[in-house]
Amino acid sequence: MGTAEKAEKHHEVFGLLGVTASNSIGKGVADTRELYKERQKASATAKRDRS
């Protein structure tokens, strides 16, 4: 399902405020995943440097 179709479905169910909220939540999840990946890289580097 594409972005536009997802937005349309969210709008049908939740209205405009729901679309805005779900977009914010989705972005927050993506940002959290990216932060987690960066933290994993830093942890691996720290472990390697301690060896």
Protein backbone atom coordinates (compact mmCIF):
# COMPACT_ATOMS: atom_id res chain seq x y z
CA MET A 1 0.00 0.00 0.00
CA GLY A 2 1.48 3.34 -1.04
CA THR A 3 1.82 6.44 1.12
CA ALA A 4 -1.15 8.21 -0.46
CA GLU A 5 -3.36 5.17 -0.03
CA LYS A 6 -2.30 4.79 3.62
CA ALA A 7 -3.05 8.47 4.25
CA GLU A 8 -6.47 8.08 2.65
CA LYS A 9 -7.28 5.03 4.79
CA HIS A 10 -6.12 6.80 7.97
CA HIS A 11 -8.23 9.81 7.02
CA GLU A 12 -11.28 7.60 6.53
CA VAL A 13 -10.82 6.03 9.95
CA PHE A 14 -9.37 8.84 12.07
CA GLY A 15 -9.97 12.11 10.24
CA LEU A 16 -7.34 14.79 9.67
CA LEU A 17 -5.97 14.69 13.23
CA GLY A 18 -5.44 10.95 12.95
CA VAL A 19 -3.51 11.33 9.71
CA THR A 20 -1.25 13.94 11.30
CA ALA A 21 -0.74 11.81 14.42
CA SER A 22 -0.06 8.60 12.52
CA ASN A 23 2.48 10.37 10.30
CA SER A 24 4.24 11.69 13.39
CA ILE A 25 4.26 8.26 15.01
CA GLY A 26 5.57 6.67 11.81
CA LYS A 27 8.37 9.19 11.60
CA GLY A 28 9.17 8.65 15.27
CA VAL A 29 9.44 4.90 14.71
CA ALA A 30 11.72 5.41 11.72
CA ASP A 31 13.89 7.83 13.70
CA THR A 32 14.08 5.37 16.60
CA ARG A 33 15.17 2.56 14.27
CA GLU A 34 17.89 4.78 12.80
CA LEU A 35 19.07 5.78 16.28
CA TYR A 36 19.16 2.11 17.30
CA LYS A 37 21.29 1.22 14.26
CA GLU A 38 23.73 4.03 15.03
CA ARG A 39 23.92 2.93 18.68
CA GLN A 40 24.65 -0.64 17.62
CA LYS A 41 27.49 0.59 15.39
CA ALA A 42 28.94 2.69 18.21
CA SER A 43 28.69 -0.24 20.63
CA ALA A 44 30.50 -2.55 18.20
CA THR A 45 33.24 0.06 17.72
CA ALA A 46 33.63 0.50 21.48
CA LYS A 47 33.87 -3.26 22.02
CA ARG A 48 36.45 -3.57 19.25
CA ASP A 49 38.51 -0.68 20.65
CA ARG A 50 38.53 -2.26 24.14
CA SER A 51 39.99 -5.50 22.77
